[in-house]
């Protein structure tokens, strides 16, 4: 969740996951080729560990993959991972809707100075998230 204007709101990616689980349609707003960086928590942790262990006095690093994933790839992956094959979510294109908030992180200095190398894809992020949902380890954080 996050709190725009003080109102508790489920993050959009989790809204999409819930819709895919329920077989509801998912919309792609704006340009389906719009891309952003989506980092797996394991890659984030790898970077933190490398930053702590490196023999350097200072450093400033972006956390990310350096490999953008398009909105269309994200939505298709969410449908593949979370929708029941017998009740797959339909994908609806809404080019007239505005999309914002994406970014791509430059992680070249983390690669060069820390030996950081992202290992996990967006699909693996979603598959791991699904596993965590099934065992309910973080159910309280999802408001379940």
N, C-alpha and C. Protein backbone atom coordinates (compact mmCIF):
# COMPACT_ATOMS: atom_id res chain seq x y z
N UNK A 1 0.83 -1.19 0.00
CA UNK A 1 0.00 0.00 0.00
C UNK A 1 0.87 1.25 0.00
N UNK A 2 0.28 2.33 -0.44
CA UNK A 2 0.88 3.65 -0.29
C UNK A 2 -0.26 4.61 0.01
N UNK A 3 0.06 5.86 0.32
CA UNK A 3 -0.94 6.78 0.85
C UNK A 3 -0.98 8.10 0.08
N UNK A 4 -1.41 8.10 -1.18
CA UNK A 4 -1.52 9.38 -1.90
C UNK A 4 -2.63 10.22 -1.27
N UNK A 5 -2.29 11.47 -1.00
CA UNK A 5 -3.24 12.39 -0.35
C UNK A 5 -3.83 11.82 0.94
N UNK A 6 -3.02 10.98 1.62
CA UNK A 6 -3.44 10.42 2.90
C UNK A 6 -4.44 9.29 2.80
N UNK A 7 -4.68 8.77 1.60
CA UNK A 7 -5.66 7.71 1.40
C UNK A 7 -4.93 6.39 1.14
N UNK A 8 -5.22 5.37 1.97
CA UNK A 8 -4.60 4.06 1.80
C UNK A 8 -5.03 3.48 0.45
N UNK A 9 -4.03 3.18 -0.40
CA UNK A 9 -4.30 2.72 -1.75
C UNK A 9 -3.36 1.56 -2.07
N UNK A 10 -3.93 0.47 -2.60
CA UNK A 10 -3.10 -0.67 -2.99
C UNK A 10 -2.27 -0.26 -4.20
N UNK A 11 -0.99 -0.61 -4.19
CA UNK A 11 -0.11 -0.28 -5.30
C UNK A 11 -0.66 -0.89 -6.59
N UNK A 12 -0.51 -0.18 -7.71
CA UNK A 12 -1.08 -0.66 -8.97
C UNK A 12 -0.66 -2.08 -9.36
N UNK A 13 0.58 -2.44 -9.16
CA UNK A 13 1.01 -3.79 -9.57
C UNK A 13 0.25 -4.85 -8.79
N UNK A 14 -0.05 -4.60 -7.52
CA UNK A 14 -0.79 -5.57 -6.72
C UNK A 14 -2.26 -5.58 -7.10
N UNK A 15 -2.78 -4.43 -7.54
CA UNK A 15 -4.15 -4.41 -8.07
C UNK A 15 -4.23 -5.29 -9.32
N UNK A 16 -3.20 -5.21 -10.18
CA UNK A 16 -3.19 -6.01 -11.40
C UNK A 16 -3.08 -7.50 -11.07
N UNK A 17 -2.25 -7.84 -10.10
CA UNK A 17 -2.12 -9.24 -9.69
C UNK A 17 -3.46 -9.77 -9.19
N UNK A 18 -4.14 -9.00 -8.36
CA UNK A 18 -5.44 -9.42 -7.84
C UNK A 18 -6.43 -9.62 -8.98
N UNK A 19 -6.43 -8.73 -9.97
CA UNK A 19 -7.33 -8.88 -11.11
C UNK A 19 -6.99 -10.14 -11.90
N UNK A 20 -5.71 -10.41 -12.10
CA UNK A 20 -5.30 -11.61 -12.84
C UNK A 20 -5.74 -12.87 -12.09
N UNK A 21 -5.59 -12.88 -10.78
CA UNK A 21 -6.02 -14.03 -9.98
C UNK A 21 -7.52 -14.27 -10.17
N UNK A 22 -8.28 -13.19 -10.26
CA UNK A 22 -9.73 -13.29 -10.40
C UNK A 22 -10.21 -13.41 -11.84
N UNK A 23 -9.26 -13.42 -12.79
CA UNK A 23 -9.63 -13.54 -14.20
C UNK A 23 -10.25 -12.28 -14.78
N UNK A 24 -10.07 -11.16 -14.10
CA UNK A 24 -10.63 -9.89 -14.58
C UNK A 24 -9.73 -9.29 -15.66
N UNK A 25 -10.27 -8.44 -16.52
CA UNK A 25 -9.45 -7.80 -17.55
C UNK A 25 -8.38 -6.90 -16.96
N UNK A 26 -7.24 -6.83 -17.63
CA UNK A 26 -6.16 -5.92 -17.27
C UNK A 26 -5.98 -4.93 -18.39
N UNK A 27 -5.76 -3.67 -18.03
CA UNK A 27 -5.61 -2.62 -19.02
C UNK A 27 -4.15 -2.19 -19.13
N UNK A 28 -3.73 -1.96 -20.35
CA UNK A 28 -2.42 -1.35 -20.62
C UNK A 28 -2.69 0.08 -21.03
N UNK A 29 -2.27 1.00 -20.20
CA UNK A 29 -2.50 2.42 -20.46
C UNK A 29 -1.34 2.99 -21.26
N UNK A 30 -1.65 3.92 -22.15
CA UNK A 30 -0.63 4.62 -22.91
C UNK A 30 0.07 3.70 -23.89
N UNK A 31 1.34 3.98 -24.10
CA UNK A 31 2.17 3.22 -25.03
C UNK A 31 2.56 1.89 -24.40
N UNK A 32 2.20 0.75 -24.99
CA UNK A 32 2.54 -0.55 -24.40
C UNK A 32 4.04 -0.82 -24.38
N UNK A 33 4.81 -0.04 -25.16
CA UNK A 33 6.26 -0.21 -25.19
C UNK A 33 6.98 0.67 -24.17
N UNK A 34 6.22 1.46 -23.41
CA UNK A 34 6.79 2.25 -22.32
C UNK A 34 7.45 1.27 -21.36
N UNK A 35 8.67 1.53 -20.96
CA UNK A 35 9.41 0.57 -20.16
C UNK A 35 9.96 1.20 -18.88
N UNK A 36 10.15 0.34 -17.90
CA UNK A 36 10.74 0.79 -16.64
C UNK A 36 11.53 -0.34 -16.02
N UNK A 37 12.30 -0.01 -15.01
CA UNK A 37 13.14 -0.96 -14.31
C UNK A 37 12.35 -1.60 -13.17
N UNK A 38 12.43 -2.90 -13.05
CA UNK A 38 11.77 -3.63 -11.96
C UNK A 38 12.80 -4.58 -11.35
N UNK A 39 13.26 -4.27 -10.15
CA UNK A 39 14.33 -5.06 -9.54
C UNK A 39 13.76 -6.08 -8.56
N UNK A 40 14.30 -7.28 -8.60
CA UNK A 40 13.93 -8.36 -7.67
C UNK A 40 14.60 -8.07 -6.33
N UNK A 41 13.91 -8.37 -5.24
CA UNK A 41 14.46 -8.13 -3.91
C UNK A 41 15.80 -8.86 -3.72
N UNK A 42 15.98 -10.00 -4.36
CA UNK A 42 17.26 -10.72 -4.23
C UNK A 42 18.40 -9.95 -4.88
N UNK A 43 18.13 -9.29 -6.01
CA UNK A 43 19.16 -8.45 -6.62
C UNK A 43 19.43 -7.22 -5.77
N UNK A 44 18.38 -6.64 -5.21
CA UNK A 44 18.55 -5.52 -4.29
C UNK A 44 19.44 -5.93 -3.12
N UNK A 45 19.16 -7.11 -2.55
CA UNK A 45 19.96 -7.61 -1.42
C UNK A 45 21.40 -7.88 -1.84
N UNK A 46 21.57 -8.42 -3.05
CA UNK A 46 22.93 -8.67 -3.56
C UNK A 46 23.72 -7.36 -3.60
N UNK A 47 23.08 -6.30 -4.09
CA UNK A 47 23.77 -5.03 -4.19
C UNK A 47 24.14 -4.50 -2.81
N UNK A 48 23.21 -4.59 -1.86
CA UNK A 48 23.51 -4.12 -0.50
C UNK A 48 24.69 -4.88 0.10
N UNK A 49 24.69 -6.19 -0.05
CA UNK A 49 25.80 -7.00 0.49
C UNK A 49 27.12 -6.62 -0.16
N UNK A 50 27.11 -6.45 -1.46
CA UNK A 50 28.34 -6.08 -2.17
C UNK A 50 28.83 -4.70 -1.72
N UNK A 51 27.91 -3.77 -1.50
CA UNK A 51 28.29 -2.42 -1.07
C UNK A 51 28.90 -2.46 0.33
N UNK A 52 28.39 -3.31 1.19
CA UNK A 52 28.93 -3.43 2.56
C UNK A 52 30.31 -4.07 2.53
N UNK A 53 30.51 -5.05 1.67
CA UNK A 53 31.75 -5.82 1.67
C UNK A 53 32.87 -5.23 0.83
N UNK A 54 32.54 -4.30 -0.07
CA UNK A 54 33.57 -3.76 -0.95
C UNK A 54 34.57 -2.91 -0.16
N UNK A 55 35.82 -2.93 -0.59
CA UNK A 55 36.87 -2.15 0.07
C UNK A 55 36.95 -0.77 -0.59
N UNK A 56 35.99 0.08 -0.22
CA UNK A 56 35.93 1.44 -0.75
C UNK A 56 35.56 2.39 0.37
N UNK A 57 36.02 3.59 0.26
CA UNK A 57 35.71 4.61 1.26
C UNK A 57 34.33 5.22 1.03
N UNK A 58 33.90 5.26 -0.22
CA UNK A 58 32.62 5.88 -0.54
C UNK A 58 32.08 5.31 -1.83
N UNK A 59 30.83 5.59 -2.07
CA UNK A 59 30.19 5.15 -3.31
C UNK A 59 28.73 5.54 -3.30
N UNK A 60 28.20 5.71 -4.47
CA UNK A 60 26.78 6.07 -4.63
C UNK A 60 26.24 5.21 -5.76
N UNK A 61 25.22 4.40 -5.48
CA UNK A 61 24.76 3.41 -6.46
C UNK A 61 23.25 3.42 -6.60
N UNK A 62 22.80 3.34 -7.84
CA UNK A 62 21.38 3.15 -8.11
C UNK A 62 21.06 1.67 -7.94
N UNK A 63 19.90 1.38 -7.38
CA UNK A 63 19.44 0.01 -7.27
C UNK A 63 18.48 -0.25 -8.42
N UNK A 64 18.79 -1.23 -9.22
CA UNK A 64 17.96 -1.57 -10.36
C UNK A 64 18.60 -2.70 -11.13
N UNK A 65 18.11 -2.91 -12.34
CA UNK A 65 18.66 -3.96 -13.19
C UNK A 65 19.43 -3.38 -14.37
N UNK A 66 19.05 -2.17 -14.77
CA UNK A 66 19.61 -1.60 -15.99
C UNK A 66 18.96 -2.16 -17.24
N UNK A 67 17.97 -3.05 -17.05
CA UNK A 67 17.27 -3.69 -18.17
C UNK A 67 15.79 -3.38 -18.06
N UNK A 68 15.28 -2.45 -18.88
CA UNK A 68 13.86 -2.09 -18.76
C UNK A 68 12.95 -3.21 -19.23
N UNK A 69 11.76 -3.24 -18.67
CA UNK A 69 10.71 -4.16 -19.11
C UNK A 69 9.50 -3.32 -19.50
N UNK A 70 8.91 -3.63 -20.65
CA UNK A 70 7.78 -2.84 -21.13
C UNK A 70 6.53 -3.12 -20.30
N UNK A 71 5.61 -2.17 -20.33
CA UNK A 71 4.33 -2.35 -19.65
C UNK A 71 3.64 -3.59 -20.20
N UNK A 72 3.69 -3.78 -21.51
CA UNK A 72 3.06 -4.95 -22.11
C UNK A 72 3.68 -6.24 -21.59
N UNK A 73 5.02 -6.30 -21.50
CA UNK A 73 5.68 -7.49 -20.96
C UNK A 73 5.27 -7.73 -19.50
N UNK A 74 5.17 -6.65 -18.74
CA UNK A 74 4.75 -6.80 -17.34
C UNK A 74 3.36 -7.40 -17.24
N UNK A 75 2.42 -6.84 -17.99
CA UNK A 75 1.04 -7.30 -17.93
C UNK A 75 0.92 -8.74 -18.41
N UNK A 76 1.57 -9.06 -19.52
CA UNK A 76 1.52 -10.43 -20.04
C UNK A 76 2.11 -11.42 -19.03
N UNK A 77 3.18 -11.03 -18.37
CA UNK A 77 3.81 -11.90 -17.35
C UNK A 77 2.87 -12.09 -16.17
N UNK A 78 2.24 -11.02 -15.72
CA UNK A 78 1.30 -11.12 -14.60
C UNK A 78 0.16 -12.07 -14.96
N UNK A 79 -0.37 -11.96 -16.18
CA UNK A 79 -1.43 -12.86 -16.62
C UNK A 79 -0.92 -14.30 -16.66
N UNK A 80 0.27 -14.51 -17.23
CA UNK A 80 0.83 -15.86 -17.33
C UNK A 80 1.03 -16.50 -15.95
N UNK A 81 1.52 -15.73 -15.01
CA UNK A 81 1.86 -16.27 -13.69
C UNK A 81 0.63 -16.42 -12.80
N UNK A 82 -0.29 -15.46 -12.83
CA UNK A 82 -1.36 -15.44 -11.84
C UNK A 82 -2.74 -15.88 -12.34
N UNK A 83 -3.01 -15.78 -13.63
CA UNK A 83 -4.35 -16.16 -14.12
C UNK A 83 -4.48 -17.67 -14.21
N UNK A 84 -5.67 -18.15 -13.88
CA UNK A 84 -6.02 -19.55 -14.07
C UNK A 84 -6.08 -19.79 -15.58
N UNK A 85 -5.44 -20.84 -16.09
CA UNK A 85 -5.49 -21.10 -17.54
C UNK A 85 -6.91 -21.23 -18.08
N UNK A 86 -7.85 -21.61 -17.23
CA UNK A 86 -9.24 -21.75 -17.65
C UNK A 86 -10.00 -20.43 -17.58
N UNK A 87 -9.39 -19.42 -16.96
CA UNK A 87 -10.06 -18.12 -16.79
C UNK A 87 -9.03 -17.00 -16.89
N UNK A 88 -8.31 -16.98 -18.02
CA UNK A 88 -7.24 -15.99 -18.20
C UNK A 88 -7.79 -14.58 -18.35
N UNK A 89 -7.08 -13.66 -17.76
CA UNK A 89 -7.45 -12.25 -17.90
C UNK A 89 -7.26 -11.79 -19.33
N UNK A 90 -8.22 -11.03 -19.81
CA UNK A 90 -8.12 -10.38 -21.11
C UNK A 90 -7.25 -9.14 -20.94
N UNK A 91 -6.47 -8.81 -21.96
CA UNK A 91 -5.66 -7.59 -21.94
C UNK A 91 -6.33 -6.58 -22.85
N UNK A 92 -6.60 -5.40 -22.29
CA UNK A 92 -7.27 -4.33 -23.02
C UNK A 92 -6.29 -3.17 -23.17
N UNK A 93 -6.13 -2.70 -24.39
CA UNK A 93 -5.22 -1.58 -24.67
C UNK A 93 -5.99 -0.27 -24.55
N UNK A 94 -5.44 0.65 -23.78
CA UNK A 94 -6.06 1.97 -23.57
C UNK A 94 -5.03 3.06 -23.87
N UNK A 95 -4.71 3.28 -25.14
CA UNK A 95 -3.68 4.26 -25.50
C UNK A 95 -4.03 5.69 -25.11
N UNK A 96 -5.32 5.97 -24.91
CA UNK A 96 -5.73 7.33 -24.56
C UNK A 96 -5.45 7.66 -23.09
N UNK A 97 -5.19 6.66 -22.27
CA UNK A 97 -4.92 6.88 -20.84
C UNK A 97 -3.46 7.25 -20.63
N UNK A 98 -3.21 8.16 -19.69
CA UNK A 98 -1.85 8.58 -19.39
C UNK A 98 -1.18 7.58 -18.46
N UNK A 99 0.11 7.39 -18.67
CA UNK A 99 0.93 6.55 -17.81
C UNK A 99 2.11 7.37 -17.34
N UNK A 100 2.54 7.15 -16.11
CA UNK A 100 3.69 7.90 -15.60
C UNK A 100 4.39 7.09 -14.54
N UNK A 101 5.53 7.58 -14.10
CA UNK A 101 6.21 7.00 -12.96
C UNK A 101 7.29 5.99 -13.27
N UNK A 102 7.57 5.72 -14.51
CA UNK A 102 8.59 4.74 -14.84
C UNK A 102 9.99 5.33 -14.81
N UNK A 103 10.96 4.45 -14.70
CA UNK A 103 12.35 4.88 -14.67
C UNK A 103 13.23 3.71 -15.05
N UNK A 104 14.43 4.02 -15.49
CA UNK A 104 15.45 3.03 -15.76
C UNK A 104 16.69 3.45 -14.99
N UNK A 105 17.20 2.55 -14.19
CA UNK A 105 18.35 2.86 -13.37
C UNK A 105 19.65 2.53 -14.09
N UNK A 106 20.58 3.46 -14.03
CA UNK A 106 21.92 3.22 -14.55
C UNK A 106 22.71 2.54 -13.44
N UNK A 107 23.05 1.28 -13.62
CA UNK A 107 23.77 0.51 -12.59
C UNK A 107 25.19 0.17 -13.02
N UNK A 108 25.69 0.88 -14.03
CA UNK A 108 27.02 0.56 -14.55
C UNK A 108 28.12 0.74 -13.49
N UNK A 109 28.01 1.78 -12.65
CA UNK A 109 29.06 1.94 -11.64
C UNK A 109 28.98 0.83 -10.59
N UNK A 110 27.80 0.33 -10.27
CA UNK A 110 27.65 -0.79 -9.33
C UNK A 110 28.26 -2.06 -9.93
N UNK A 111 28.10 -2.23 -11.22
CA UNK A 111 28.70 -3.38 -11.88
C UNK A 111 30.23 -3.27 -11.84
N UNK A 112 30.74 -2.09 -12.18
CA UNK A 112 32.19 -1.89 -12.25
C UNK A 112 32.85 -1.88 -10.87
N UNK A 113 32.25 -1.20 -9.90
CA UNK A 113 32.88 -1.02 -8.60
C UNK A 113 32.55 -2.11 -7.58
N UNK A 114 31.39 -2.73 -7.73
CA UNK A 114 30.95 -3.72 -6.74
C UNK A 114 30.93 -5.14 -7.29
N UNK A 115 30.99 -5.27 -8.60
CA UNK A 115 30.85 -6.59 -9.20
C UNK A 115 29.39 -7.03 -9.26
N UNK A 116 28.48 -6.07 -9.14
CA UNK A 116 27.04 -6.35 -9.16
C UNK A 116 26.62 -6.83 -10.53
N UNK A 117 25.82 -7.87 -10.55
CA UNK A 117 25.26 -8.37 -11.81
C UNK A 117 23.84 -8.86 -11.53
N UNK A 118 22.82 -8.13 -12.00
CA UNK A 118 21.45 -8.58 -11.77
C UNK A 118 21.24 -9.99 -12.33
N UNK A 119 20.56 -10.82 -11.57
CA UNK A 119 20.37 -12.21 -11.95
C UNK A 119 18.91 -12.59 -12.17
N UNK A 120 17.97 -11.81 -11.67
CA UNK A 120 16.57 -12.21 -11.65
C UNK A 120 15.73 -11.38 -12.62
N UNK A 121 14.83 -12.07 -13.31
CA UNK A 121 13.94 -11.43 -14.28
C UNK A 121 12.64 -10.99 -13.58
N UNK A 122 11.85 -10.22 -14.30
CA UNK A 122 10.54 -9.83 -13.80
C UNK A 122 9.67 -11.07 -13.60
N UNK A 123 9.75 -12.02 -14.49
CA UNK A 123 8.98 -13.27 -14.34
C UNK A 123 9.35 -13.96 -13.03
N UNK A 124 10.64 -14.05 -12.73
CA UNK A 124 11.06 -14.68 -11.47
C UNK A 124 10.56 -13.89 -10.27
N UNK A 125 10.53 -12.58 -10.39
CA UNK A 125 9.98 -11.74 -9.33
C UNK A 125 8.52 -12.10 -9.09
N UNK A 126 7.74 -12.20 -10.16
CA UNK A 126 6.32 -12.52 -10.03
C UNK A 126 6.11 -13.96 -9.53
N UNK A 127 6.91 -14.90 -10.02
CA UNK A 127 6.79 -16.29 -9.55
C UNK A 127 7.13 -16.40 -8.07
N UNK A 128 8.15 -15.68 -7.63
CA UNK A 128 8.51 -15.69 -6.20
C UNK A 128 7.42 -15.02 -5.37
N UNK A 129 6.85 -13.96 -5.91
CA UNK A 129 5.77 -13.29 -5.20
C UNK A 129 4.58 -14.23 -5.04
N UNK A 130 4.26 -14.98 -6.09
CA UNK A 130 3.16 -15.94 -6.03
C UNK A 130 3.43 -17.00 -4.95
N UNK A 131 4.66 -17.50 -4.89
CA UNK A 131 5.01 -18.49 -3.85
C UNK A 131 4.80 -17.91 -2.46
N UNK A 132 5.23 -16.66 -2.27
CA UNK A 132 5.07 -16.02 -0.96
C UNK A 132 3.59 -15.84 -0.62
N UNK A 133 2.78 -15.53 -1.63
CA UNK A 133 1.35 -15.40 -1.39
C UNK A 133 0.75 -16.74 -0.96
N UNK A 134 1.22 -17.83 -1.58
CA UNK A 134 0.68 -19.15 -1.27
C UNK A 134 1.02 -19.59 0.15
N UNK A 135 2.23 -19.26 0.63
CA UNK A 135 2.60 -19.68 1.99
C UNK A 135 2.21 -18.62 3.03
N UNK A 136 1.76 -17.47 2.55
CA UNK A 136 1.23 -16.39 3.40
C UNK A 136 2.24 -15.86 4.42
N UNK A 137 3.51 -15.90 4.06
CA UNK A 137 4.54 -15.41 4.97
C UNK A 137 4.36 -13.92 5.26
N UNK A 138 3.95 -13.14 4.27
CA UNK A 138 3.83 -11.69 4.44
C UNK A 138 2.38 -11.23 4.29
N UNK A 139 1.45 -12.08 4.64
CA UNK A 139 0.04 -11.78 4.47
C UNK A 139 -0.36 -10.49 5.20
N UNK A 140 0.20 -10.26 6.37
CA UNK A 140 -0.14 -9.06 7.13
C UNK A 140 0.26 -7.79 6.39
N UNK A 141 1.35 -7.84 5.63
CA UNK A 141 1.78 -6.67 4.88
C UNK A 141 0.88 -6.40 3.69
N UNK A 142 0.26 -7.44 3.17
CA UNK A 142 -0.66 -7.28 2.04
C UNK A 142 -2.06 -6.93 2.51
N UNK A 143 -2.29 -6.93 3.81
CA UNK A 143 -3.60 -6.61 4.32
C UNK A 143 -4.59 -7.75 4.20
N UNK A 144 -4.06 -8.98 4.21
CA UNK A 144 -4.94 -10.15 4.05
C UNK A 144 -5.42 -10.63 5.40
